[in-house]
Amino acid sequence: MMQFTETPLPPLHQITTPISNPTMNKNRPWPAGFPTSKSLGSFGDANCMEQLLVHCVNAIESNDATLSQQILWVLNNIAPPDGDSNQRLACAFLRALIARAARTGTCKLLASMESAHFNLAIDTHKFSIIELASFVDLTPWHRFGYTAANAAILEAVEGYLVVHIVDLSLTHCMQIPTLIDAIANRFEVPPLIKLTVAGAIEDVPPLLDLSYEELGSKLVNFARSRNVIMEFRVIPSSYADGFSSFIEQLRVQHLVYAESGEALVINCHMMLHCIPEETLSGIHSTNSNTYSYESPSISSFRSMFLKSLRSLDPTLVVLVDEDADFTSNNLVSRLKSAFNYLWIPYDTVDTFLPRGSRQRQWYESDISWKIENVIAHEGLQRVERLEPKCQWIQRMRNANFRGISFAEDAISEVKTMLDEHAAGWGLKKEDDDIVLTWKGHNVVFASAWLPA
């Protein structure tokens, strides 16, 4: 390990000294291709910021304190936390890199800076149920999946007297009130709704300030007000073992009610990417229900989870998630992928939240949390393991599901919803799936599946 003398630096937000000599240390040449200090303003370009972050990763991982400090000074001059969308994006990645240095012990200078000068704690807000409902309505990021999924569910459960909905969602059942409304309006005699949720992911934003039991009580009361009878249950579970205990409980419950002819709907909204996949090897669990597999290169908790869902013979599975790839074990590759996806929420926020608003602070704190999790964490602590749509499609097919198209009515509803938001949002159809876009870039996909 390289040794060096640690010199305390001022807090990051106070570092304003421009780079007067791009070489600074004759033994540490400035990375090839970097503009000189005379053109410091040109660093504001997003591509240049990305390259600076990549060089910073390499310097930190190799424990090169001098080069890390050089790049750090530049990044702090060009990426203030209250700058434009690209600057705020780069600032969030910079914070994540310093947090990584502090956690892993690489680059002692930056690690000491984190503890002595810079508070990296991300202030993630705990929402009330009313705040969260309003928050997810601000943007199509979640509403897109809600709208598409609800339309597919309504069509699939036509004619059933009992509908068992398994809600695997990071947004704490915020989709369900709209679905209850739609059921009440569509059916003269609404079916009995059994809602089961996974009692997990309590540490992943958005955070809720009430228990699932309290949430369930509110949902049951809301359903009653719409003349819909609902039962609510929570199953304690963990994404770390692929929700194995959750699946086991579902299997028991569904076998109990299978003869009654109830519909079983599995609604997966941006939670499955928290389940470990092939790049996270060597996982061991004391849970006797945990899936077993021979080799991470052959299968994973993620694939085993989907195969276990298939064994339940569900009426419908809806899978909605963000269309990006954060699974690489190579930090540079992961940073590039995250940087080229997470610019989107920073770019969109100006269209629906004013600077300085509390909701904007909550919104950007949640993005910063995601960036830190992708960059600063490893192992089971790194839960933001997004996979692109094509990979999920292959997993679903391998688990013996077949995709179905969304009805024209569903697509029309999604388009109507998008009309309520900024002009940059769009919708495109890819085979059986639909994709939410921002300025032509894929953001979120929605897919519907039946047992093959």
Protein backbone atom coordinates (compact mmCIF):
# COMPACT_ATOMS: atom_id res chain seq x y z
CA MET A 1 0.00 0.00 0.00
CA MET A 2 1.34 3.39 -0.96
CA GLN A 3 2.31 5.63 1.97
CA PHE A 4 2.06 9.42 2.00
CA THR A 5 1.76 12.37 4.33
CA GLU A 6 -1.82 13.42 5.02
CA THR A 7 -2.44 17.17 4.90
CA PRO A 8 -5.84 18.37 6.18
CA LEU A 9 -7.99 20.10 3.58
CA PRO A 10 -10.78 22.62 4.12
CA PRO A 11 -14.38 21.48 3.76
CA LEU A 12 -15.22 20.46 0.21
CA HIS A 13 -17.76 23.19 -0.39
CA GLN A 14 -15.10 25.79 0.56
CA ILE A 15 -12.43 24.57 -1.87
CA THR A 16 -12.25 27.24 -4.54
CA THR A 17 -8.56 27.39 -5.43
CA PRO A 18 -8.24 26.98 -9.20
CA ILE A 19 -5.69 24.59 -10.64
CA SER A 20 -2.76 26.85 -11.52
CA ASN A 21 -0.46 24.06 -12.60
CA PRO A 22 -2.07 21.01 -14.16
CA THR A 23 0.92 18.82 -13.35
CA MET A 24 1.23 19.93 -9.68
CA ASN A 25 3.61 17.07 -8.99
CA LYS A 26 6.15 16.01 -11.58
CA ASN A 27 5.79 12.42 -10.41
CA ARG A 28 2.02 12.56 -10.83
CA PRO A 29 1.28 13.75 -14.39
CA TRP A 30 -2.15 15.18 -15.03
CA PRO A 31 -4.22 12.53 -16.87
CA ALA A 32 -3.80 12.61 -20.63
CA GLY A 33 -6.55 14.37 -22.50
CA PHE A 34 -7.58 16.71 -19.65
CA PRO A 35 -8.00 20.39 -20.52
CA THR A 36 -5.56 22.70 -18.76
CA SER A 37 -6.54 25.06 -15.97
CA LYS A 38 -6.82 27.87 -18.52
CA SER A 39 -9.94 26.24 -19.83
CA LEU A 40 -11.43 25.29 -16.47
CA GLY A 41 -14.83 26.49 -17.59
CA SER A 42 -14.98 23.77 -20.23
CA PHE A 43 -15.06 21.16 -17.48
CA GLY A 44 -18.76 21.91 -17.05
CA ASP A 45 -19.58 19.60 -19.95
CA ALA A 46 -21.26 16.38 -18.75
CA ASN A 47 -18.88 14.15 -20.72
CA CYS A 48 -15.87 15.87 -19.17
CA MET A 49 -17.37 15.54 -15.69
CA GLU A 50 -17.86 11.84 -16.29
CA GLN A 51 -14.21 11.45 -17.33
CA LEU A 52 -13.06 13.36 -14.25
CA LEU A 53 -15.09 11.03 -12.04
CA VAL A 54 -13.62 7.99 -13.79
CA HIS A 55 -10.07 9.27 -13.24
CA CYS A 56 -10.97 10.01 -9.64
CA VAL A 57 -12.19 6.41 -9.19
CA ASN A 58 -8.93 5.05 -10.56
CA ALA A 59 -6.88 7.36 -8.35
CA ILE A 60 -8.84 6.48 -5.21
CA GLU A 61 -8.78 2.74 -5.88
CA SER A 62 -5.00 2.85 -6.46
CA ASN A 63 -4.54 4.98 -3.30
CA ASP A 64 -2.96 7.81 -5.29
CA ALA A 65 -3.65 10.68 -2.90
CA THR A 66 -1.97 13.41 -4.95
CA LEU A 67 -3.88 12.71 -8.14
CA SER A 68 -7.10 12.22 -6.17
CA GLN A 69 -6.61 15.63 -4.58
CA GLN A 70 -5.96 17.27 -7.96
CA ILE A 71 -9.14 15.89 -9.49
CA LEU A 72 -11.08 16.59 -6.31
CA TRP A 73 -10.17 20.28 -6.47
CA VAL A 74 -11.37 20.49 -10.05
CA LEU A 75 -14.63 18.69 -9.33
CA ASN A 76 -15.40 20.95 -6.41
CA ASN A 77 -14.83 24.03 -8.54
CA ILE A 78 -17.14 22.87 -11.30
CA ALA A 79 -19.81 20.83 -9.44
CA PRO A 80 -21.45 22.85 -6.66
CA PRO A 81 -24.38 21.16 -4.90
CA ASP A 82 -26.71 24.00 -5.95
CA GLY A 83 -25.58 24.21 -9.59
CA ASP A 84 -27.33 23.07 -12.76
CA SER A 85 -28.51 19.50 -13.24
CA ASN A 86 -25.15 18.19 -14.52
CA GLN A 87 -23.28 19.89 -11.68
CA ARG A 88 -25.59 18.48 -9.02
CA LEU A 89 -25.27 15.03 -10.59
CA ALA A 90 -21.45 15.23 -10.52
CA CYS A 91 -21.53 16.54 -6.95
CA ALA A 92 -23.60 13.54 -5.82
CA PHE A 93 -21.12 11.15 -7.43
CA LEU A 94 -18.21 12.98 -5.81
CA ARG A 95 -19.81 12.60 -2.39
CA ALA A 96 -20.33 8.91 -3.10
CA LEU A 97 -16.68 8.43 -4.04
CA ILE A 98 -15.51 10.05 -0.82
CA ALA A 99 -17.96 7.88 1.13
CA ARG A 100 -16.50 4.82 -0.61
CA ALA A 101 -12.97 5.86 0.35
CA ALA A 102 -14.09 6.23 3.96
CA ARG A 103 -15.81 2.84 4.03
CA THR A 104 -13.15 0.80 2.26
CA GLY A 105 -10.08 2.49 3.73
CA THR A 106 -8.61 3.23 0.30
CA CYS A 107 -7.00 6.61 -0.19
CA LYS A 108 -6.51 7.57 3.46
CA LEU A 109 -6.49 11.29 2.69
CA LEU A 110 -10.06 11.23 1.40
CA ALA A 111 -11.16 8.93 4.19
CA SER A 112 -9.80 11.34 6.78
CA MET A 113 -11.43 14.23 4.94
CA GLU A 114 -14.80 12.49 5.24
CA SER A 115 -14.48 12.11 8.98
CA ALA A 116 -12.85 15.47 9.73
CA HIS A 117 -14.36 17.95 7.30
CA PHE A 118 -17.29 16.71 5.29
CA ASN A 119 -20.64 15.47 6.52
CA LEU A 120 -21.70 12.91 3.93
CA ALA A 121 -24.88 11.85 5.72
CA ILE A 122 -27.81 11.95 3.33
CA ASP A 123 -30.93 13.36 4.95
CA THR A 124 -33.58 11.00 3.59
CA HIS A 125 -37.05 12.16 4.53
CA LYS A 126 -39.62 9.91 6.22
CA PHE A 127 -42.90 10.57 4.44
CA SER A 128 -46.34 10.61 5.88
CA ILE A 129 -48.76 8.61 3.76
CA ILE A 130 -50.28 11.84 2.38
CA GLU A 131 -46.85 13.28 1.57
CA LEU A 132 -45.76 10.10 -0.22
CA ALA A 133 -48.98 9.88 -2.23
CA SER A 134 -48.46 13.47 -3.39
CA PHE A 135 -44.75 12.90 -3.96
CA VAL A 136 -45.13 9.96 -6.36
CA ASP A 137 -47.75 11.90 -8.32
CA LEU A 138 -45.26 14.65 -9.18
CA THR A 139 -43.61 12.68 -11.98
CA PRO A 140 -44.42 9.72 -14.26
CA TRP A 141 -41.45 7.79 -12.81
CA HIS A 142 -43.82 5.66 -10.71
CA ARG A 143 -47.21 6.67 -12.16
CA PHE A 144 -46.26 5.11 -15.49
CA GLY A 145 -45.92 1.67 -13.90
CA TYR A 146 -48.98 2.12 -11.72
CA THR A 147 -51.17 3.04 -14.67
CA ALA A 148 -49.96 0.24 -16.95
CA ALA A 149 -50.08 -2.39 -14.20
CA ASN A 150 -53.54 -1.45 -12.96
CA ALA A 151 -54.97 -1.65 -16.48
CA ALA A 152 -53.45 -5.11 -16.99
CA ILE A 153 -54.69 -6.30 -13.58
CA LEU A 154 -58.26 -5.15 -14.19
CA GLU A 155 -58.38 -7.08 -17.45
CA ALA A 156 -56.82 -10.22 -15.95
CA VAL A 157 -59.16 -10.50 -12.92
CA GLU A 158 -62.42 -10.09 -14.86
CA GLY A 159 -64.91 -12.67 -13.62
CA TYR A 160 -63.08 -13.66 -10.40
CA LEU A 161 -64.86 -13.37 -7.06
CA VAL A 162 -61.60 -13.30 -5.07
CA VAL A 163 -58.42 -11.51 -6.16
CA HIS A 164 -55.19 -12.05 -4.24
CA ILE A 165 -52.71 -9.25 -5.03
CA VAL A 166 -49.11 -9.70 -3.96
CA ASP A 167 -47.59 -6.22 -3.97
CA LEU A 168 -43.80 -6.14 -4.20
CA SER A 169 -43.29 -2.41 -4.40
CA LEU A 170 -40.73 0.07 -3.11
CA THR A 171 -43.42 2.74 -2.83
CA HIS A 172 -45.40 1.20 0.03
CA CYS A 173 -48.67 0.31 -1.75
CA MET A 174 -49.14 3.79 -3.22
CA GLN A 175 -50.49 2.10 -6.37
CA ILE A 176 -53.28 0.32 -4.49
CA PRO A 177 -55.78 3.17 -3.80
CA THR A 178 -56.04 3.90 -7.54
CA LEU A 179 -56.53 0.19 -8.21
CA ILE A 180 -59.27 -0.01 -5.57
CA ASP A 181 -61.01 2.97 -7.19
CA ALA A 182 -60.81 1.30 -10.59
CA ILE A 183 -62.19 -1.99 -9.23
CA ALA A 184 -65.07 -0.18 -7.52
CA ASN A 185 -65.95 1.65 -10.72
CA ARG A 186 -65.57 -1.31 -13.07
CA PHE A 187 -67.39 -4.13 -11.29
CA GLU A 188 -71.03 -4.01 -10.18
CA VAL A 189 -70.13 -6.51 -7.44
CA PRO A 190 -66.45 -5.94 -6.62
CA PRO A 191 -64.39 -9.04 -5.83
CA LEU A 192 -62.90 -9.66 -2.40
CA ILE A 193 -59.36 -8.23 -2.45
CA LYS A 194 -56.62 -9.99 -0.50
CA LEU A 195 -53.53 -7.79 -0.41
CA THR A 196 -50.22 -9.30 0.70
CA VAL A 197 -47.04 -7.24 1.00
CA ALA A 198 -43.42 -8.07 1.81
CA GLY A 199 -42.35 -6.53 5.12
CA ALA A 200 -38.89 -5.63 3.88
CA ILE A 201 -36.81 -2.85 2.28
CA GLU A 202 -37.43 -0.54 5.21
CA ASP A 203 -34.03 1.07 4.69
CA VAL A 204 -34.48 1.88 0.98
CA PRO A 205 -36.03 5.25 0.01
CA PRO A 206 -38.72 6.40 -0.10
CA LEU A 207 -39.14 5.89 3.64
CA LEU A 208 -42.54 5.83 5.34
CA ASP A 209 -43.20 7.14 8.86
CA LEU A 210 -45.76 4.49 9.82
CA SER A 211 -45.76 0.71 10.17
CA TYR A 212 -47.17 -1.65 7.57
CA GLU A 213 -49.88 -2.60 10.04
CA GLU A 214 -50.98 1.05 10.21
CA LEU A 215 -50.72 1.35 6.44
CA GLY A 216 -52.84 -1.77 6.02
CA SER A 217 -55.53 -0.40 8.33
CA LYS A 218 -55.74 2.79 6.26
CA LEU A 219 -55.99 0.84 3.01
CA VAL A 220 -58.70 -1.44 4.37
CA ASN A 221 -60.68 1.59 5.54
CA PHE A 222 -60.27 3.29 2.17
CA ALA A 223 -61.46 0.15 0.38
CA ARG A 224 -64.48 -0.04 2.68
CA SER A 225 -65.35 3.56 1.77
CA ARG A 226 -65.45 2.43 -1.88
CA ASN A 227 -67.60 -0.63 -1.03
CA VAL A 228 -64.70 -3.01 -1.64
CA ILE A 229 -63.91 -5.66 0.96
CA MET A 230 -60.16 -6.00 1.51
CA GLU A 231 -57.97 -8.20 3.66
CA PHE A 232 -54.40 -7.07 4.34
CA ARG A 233 -51.43 -9.09 5.50
CA VAL A 234 -47.69 -8.50 5.86
CA ILE A 235 -45.14 -11.29 5.55
CA PRO A 236 -41.74 -10.53 7.16
CA SER A 237 -39.11 -11.13 4.50
CA SER A 238 -35.74 -10.09 3.13
CA TYR A 239 -34.47 -9.30 -0.34
CA ALA A 240 -31.04 -10.60 0.77
CA ASP A 241 -32.19 -14.22 0.47
CA GLY A 242 -34.40 -13.64 -2.54
CA PHE A 243 -37.62 -13.38 -0.49
CA SER A 244 -37.46 -17.14 0.08
CA SER A 245 -39.53 -17.12 3.30
CA PHE A 246 -42.03 -14.83 1.58
CA ILE A 247 -42.43 -17.28 -1.30
CA GLU A 248 -42.86 -20.17 1.10
CA GLN A 249 -45.70 -18.36 2.88
CA LEU A 250 -47.32 -17.48 -0.44
CA ARG A 251 -47.15 -21.10 -1.48
CA VAL A 252 -48.90 -22.23 1.69
CA GLN A 253 -51.57 -19.54 1.44
CA HIS A 254 -52.25 -20.09 -2.23
CA LEU A 255 -52.57 -23.84 -1.86
CA VAL A 256 -55.13 -23.22 0.88
CA TYR A 257 -57.27 -21.05 -1.40
CA ALA A 258 -56.45 -22.56 -4.76
CA GLU A 259 -59.67 -24.61 -4.97
CA SER A 260 -61.78 -21.50 -4.47
CA GLY A 261 -60.66 -20.26 -7.86
CA GLU A 262 -59.16 -16.97 -6.74
CA ALA A 263 -56.97 -14.92 -9.06
CA LEU A 264 -53.35 -14.56 -7.97
CA VAL A 265 -51.69 -11.36 -9.22
CA ILE A 266 -48.00 -10.67 -8.56
CA ASN A 267 -47.28 -6.94 -8.88
CA CYS A 268 -43.53 -6.23 -8.97
CA HIS A 269 -42.77 -2.52 -8.92
CA MET A 270 -39.06 -1.62 -8.70
CA MET A 271 -38.32 -4.07 -5.89
CA LEU A 272 -36.93 -7.12 -7.66
CA HIS A 273 -33.66 -5.38 -8.51
CA CYS A 274 -32.84 -5.51 -4.78
CA ILE A 275 -32.65 -9.32 -4.97
CA PRO A 276 -29.04 -10.56 -5.38
CA GLU A 277 -28.04 -11.63 -8.89
CA GLU A 278 -25.10 -13.51 -10.41
CA THR A 279 -22.42 -10.88 -9.74
CA LEU A 280 -23.00 -11.24 -5.98
CA SER A 281 -21.49 -14.67 -5.33
CA GLY A 282 -20.76 -16.61 -2.19
CA ILE A 283 -24.02 -15.76 -0.40
CA HIS A 284 -24.83 -17.97 2.53
CA SER A 285 -27.89 -17.89 4.72
CA THR A 286 -29.04 -19.75 7.81
CA ASN A 287 -32.64 -19.57 6.59
CA SER A 288 -33.77 -23.12 5.96
CA ASN A 289 -36.12 -21.94 3.21
CA THR A 290 -33.38 -20.19 1.26
CA TYR A 291 -33.05 -21.27 -2.35
CA SER A 292 -30.06 -23.39 -3.20
CA TYR A 293 -28.15 -23.34 -6.44
CA GLU A 294 -24.96 -24.94 -7.66
CA SER A 295 -23.06 -21.95 -8.94
CA PRO A 296 -23.63 -18.19 -9.23
CA SER A 297 -22.69 -18.50 -12.90
CA ILE A 298 -25.61 -20.89 -13.43
CA SER A 299 -28.36 -19.25 -11.45
CA SER A 300 -29.04 -16.69 -8.75
CA PHE A 301 -31.57 -15.77 -6.09
CA ARG A 302 -33.15 -13.55 -8.73
CA SER A 303 -33.74 -16.38 -11.18
CA MET A 304 -34.79 -18.77 -8.44
CA PHE A 305 -37.30 -16.24 -7.17
CA LEU A 306 -38.93 -16.01 -10.59
CA LYS A 307 -39.04 -19.80 -10.93
CA SER A 308 -40.67 -20.01 -7.51
CA LEU A 309 -43.26 -17.45 -8.63
CA ARG A 310 -43.97 -19.62 -11.64
CA SER A 311 -44.58 -22.62 -9.38
CA LEU A 312 -47.44 -20.65 -7.77
CA ASP A 313 -49.18 -20.64 -11.19
CA PRO A 314 -50.21 -16.95 -10.96
CA THR A 315 -53.00 -15.46 -13.02
CA LEU A 316 -50.78 -12.50 -13.94
CA VAL A 317 -47.31 -11.15 -13.16
CA VAL A 318 -46.58 -7.48 -13.81
CA LEU A 319 -42.93 -6.44 -13.79
CA VAL A 320 -42.02 -2.74 -13.74
CA ASP A 321 -38.49 -1.49 -13.20
CA GLU A 322 -35.90 1.07 -14.21
CA ASP A 323 -34.18 0.29 -17.51
CA ALA A 324 -30.47 0.46 -16.63
CA ASP A 325 -27.59 -1.84 -15.67
CA PHE A 326 -25.91 -1.34 -12.29
CA THR A 327 -24.72 -4.93 -11.82
CA SER A 328 -21.08 -4.71 -12.89
CA ASN A 329 -18.44 -5.61 -10.31
CA ASN A 330 -16.14 -3.14 -12.08
CA LEU A 331 -16.57 0.22 -10.34
CA VAL A 332 -15.70 2.31 -13.41
CA SER A 333 -18.26 0.47 -15.54
CA ARG A 334 -20.86 0.84 -12.83
CA LEU A 335 -20.13 4.55 -12.44
CA LYS A 336 -20.45 5.16 -16.18
CA SER A 337 -23.73 3.29 -16.36
CA ALA A 338 -25.17 5.12 -13.35
CA PHE A 339 -23.95 8.53 -14.53
CA ASN A 340 -25.53 7.99 -17.95
CA TYR A 341 -28.86 7.02 -16.41
CA LEU A 342 -29.22 9.11 -13.27
CA TRP A 343 -28.81 12.42 -15.11
CA ILE A 344 -32.47 11.91 -16.03
CA PRO A 345 -34.05 12.55 -12.60
CA TYR A 346 -31.82 15.63 -12.14
CA ASP A 347 -32.81 16.89 -15.58
CA THR A 348 -36.53 16.33 -15.04
CA VAL A 349 -36.81 17.90 -11.57
CA ASP A 350 -36.70 21.46 -12.93
CA THR A 351 -39.96 20.76 -14.76
CA PHE A 352 -42.04 20.07 -11.64
CA LEU A 353 -40.31 21.33 -8.49
CA PRO A 354 -38.93 24.83 -7.78
CA ARG A 355 -35.43 25.33 -6.39
CA GLY A 356 -35.35 25.44 -2.62
CA SER A 357 -38.62 23.57 -2.12
CA ARG A 358 -38.79 20.87 0.55
CA GLN A 359 -40.08 18.29 -1.94
CA ARG A 360 -37.13 18.99 -4.22
CA GLN A 361 -34.73 18.41 -1.33
CA TRP A 362 -36.46 15.10 -0.58
CA TYR A 363 -36.39 14.12 -4.24
CA GLU A 364 -32.69 14.82 -4.74
CA SER A 365 -31.77 13.23 -1.41
CA ASP A 366 -33.33 9.98 -2.61
CA ILE A 367 -31.33 10.17 -5.85
CA SER A 368 -28.15 10.84 -3.86
CA TRP A 369 -28.92 7.81 -1.72
CA LYS A 370 -29.20 5.67 -4.83
CA ILE A 371 -25.90 7.00 -6.22
CA GLU A 372 -24.10 6.36 -2.94
CA ASN A 373 -25.47 2.84 -2.77
CA VAL A 374 -24.30 2.08 -6.31
CA ILE A 375 -20.83 3.59 -5.84
CA ALA A 376 -19.88 3.37 -2.16
CA HIS A 377 -21.33 -0.01 -1.17
CA GLU A 378 -20.52 -3.60 -2.05
CA GLY A 379 -21.91 -7.01 -1.15
CA LEU A 380 -25.42 -7.32 0.26
CA GLN A 381 -25.38 -3.62 1.21
CA ARG A 382 -25.43 -2.68 -2.48
CA VAL A 383 -29.12 -3.20 -3.21
CA GLU A 384 -29.39 -0.90 -6.24
CA ARG A 385 -28.58 -3.67 -8.74
CA LEU A 386 -30.67 -2.62 -11.73
CA GLU A 387 -30.77 -4.83 -14.80
CA PRO A 388 -31.89 -3.70 -18.26
CA LYS A 389 -35.23 -4.77 -19.68
CA CYS A 390 -33.68 -7.30 -22.05
CA GLN A 391 -32.13 -9.20 -19.13
CA TRP A 392 -35.42 -9.32 -17.21
CA ILE A 393 -37.24 -10.55 -20.30
CA GLN A 394 -34.76 -13.40 -20.63
CA ARG A 395 -35.11 -14.26 -16.94
CA MET A 396 -38.91 -14.37 -17.20
CA ARG A 397 -38.76 -16.61 -20.27
CA ASN A 398 -36.25 -18.89 -18.56
CA ALA A 399 -38.69 -19.16 -15.64
CA ASN A 400 -41.37 -20.37 -18.10
CA PHE A 401 -43.42 -17.20 -18.41
CA ARG A 402 -44.66 -15.73 -21.70
CA GLY A 403 -45.10 -12.04 -22.28
CA ILE A 404 -48.43 -10.50 -23.26
CA SER A 405 -49.12 -7.13 -24.82
CA PHE A 406 -50.83 -4.29 -23.03
CA ALA A 407 -54.28 -3.55 -24.38
CA GLU A 408 -54.88 -0.40 -26.38
CA ASP A 409 -57.02 0.93 -23.53
CA ALA A 410 -54.04 0.55 -21.17
CA ILE A 411 -51.73 2.37 -23.56
CA SER A 412 -54.30 5.12 -23.99
CA GLU A 413 -54.53 5.55 -20.21
CA VAL A 414 -50.75 5.85 -19.95
CA LYS A 415 -50.68 8.47 -22.70
CA THR A 416 -53.42 10.44 -20.95
CA MET A 417 -51.42 10.35 -17.73
CA LEU A 418 -48.27 11.55 -19.52
CA ASP A 419 -50.21 14.52 -20.90
CA GLU A 420 -50.40 15.81 -17.31
CA HIS A 421 -46.60 16.13 -17.18
CA ALA A 422 -43.80 17.94 -19.01
CA ALA A 423 -43.42 17.61 -22.77
CA GLY A 424 -40.12 15.69 -22.48
CA TRP A 425 -41.85 12.52 -21.29
CA GLY A 426 -42.77 9.95 -23.90
CA LEU A 427 -44.01 6.41 -24.43
CA LYS A 428 -42.80 3.77 -26.83
CA LYS A 429 -43.78 0.17 -27.47
CA GLU A 430 -41.09 -2.50 -27.69
CA ASP A 431 -42.56 -5.90 -28.65
CA ASP A 432 -45.03 -6.74 -25.84
CA ASP A 433 -43.64 -4.16 -23.42
CA ILE A 434 -44.04 -0.41 -23.04
CA VAL A 435 -41.26 1.98 -22.06
CA LEU A 436 -41.34 5.40 -20.42
CA THR A 437 -38.83 7.77 -22.00
CA TRP A 438 -37.37 11.18 -21.22
CA LYS A 439 -36.14 13.13 -24.26
CA GLY A 440 -35.97 9.81 -26.11
CA HIS A 441 -33.95 7.95 -23.44
CA ASN A 442 -35.38 4.82 -21.81
CA VAL A 443 -36.35 5.36 -18.17
CA VAL A 444 -38.78 2.71 -16.90
CA PHE A 445 -40.27 -0.37 -18.58
CA ALA A 446 -43.52 -2.21 -17.88
CA SER A 447 -44.18 -5.80 -18.86
CA ALA A 448 -47.00 -8.31 -18.27
CA TRP A 449 -46.59 -12.08 -18.04
CA LEU A 450 -48.63 -15.27 -17.96
CA PRO A 451 -47.49 -18.82 -17.16
CA ALA A 452 -46.27 -20.42 -20.39
